[in-house]
Amino acid sequence: MSQEKNEMEKRSERMINLFNMAAKSGMKIGQFSGPIPAFSKWLNGKFLSAKRGEVIIEFDVRPEMANPTGLLHGGMQCAMMDDTIGVMTTTLGYKGFLISVDFHVDYLGKVKVGEKVRVKGKMIREGRNIVHVIAELYNMEGDLIAAGNSNLLKTKYKPDFVKAVDKKLEFI
């Protein structure tokens, strides 16, 4: 096994362990002490599970996330799915950041302020340069509220959280 592949597997394992430890403790992303993007902290999802290429995160639907009718705004649904996809990509163990080339969303239902949603982000295919992923947003009854898919481009940019993971810094 090449050294790069070995480092990738170790990085993937560290991220999965971190997310599952957070899930067991009920910790929300906003409580992480590491270099987490401010928007992710604001969304403040709670990890439910993680494995390579798949994560499930639960979000509270807050008043500031609503459209004028008191329902979860479509842009927020998209943001929750995009953020979950971003978190999921860290379980793949790549040294570089993956950026969205496109993101397609189908809005299929509604959620009210005060409710919770669960978002599942899943990797479908890893190509040499492009990773294809999907996200599904469910209400707590298990109804599909929104579904999205995206193609992500592998880059050489190493974000701060990857640097922290590589240095084995503590996030929680």
Foldseek 3Di string as FASTA:
>chain_A
DDPQVVQLQLQLVLLQVQLVVQQVVQAWPLQWPFDDDPVSNVQGWGWNHAAQFKTKTKGAQAQVQDDPVQWRDPVVVQVVQVVRQQSNVSSSRDQFGWAWPDKDKDFDAIDGHGFMKMKMKGWDDDDPFKTKIKMFIATPVGDTGMIMITIIGGDNHGDRVSVCSSVVHGGD
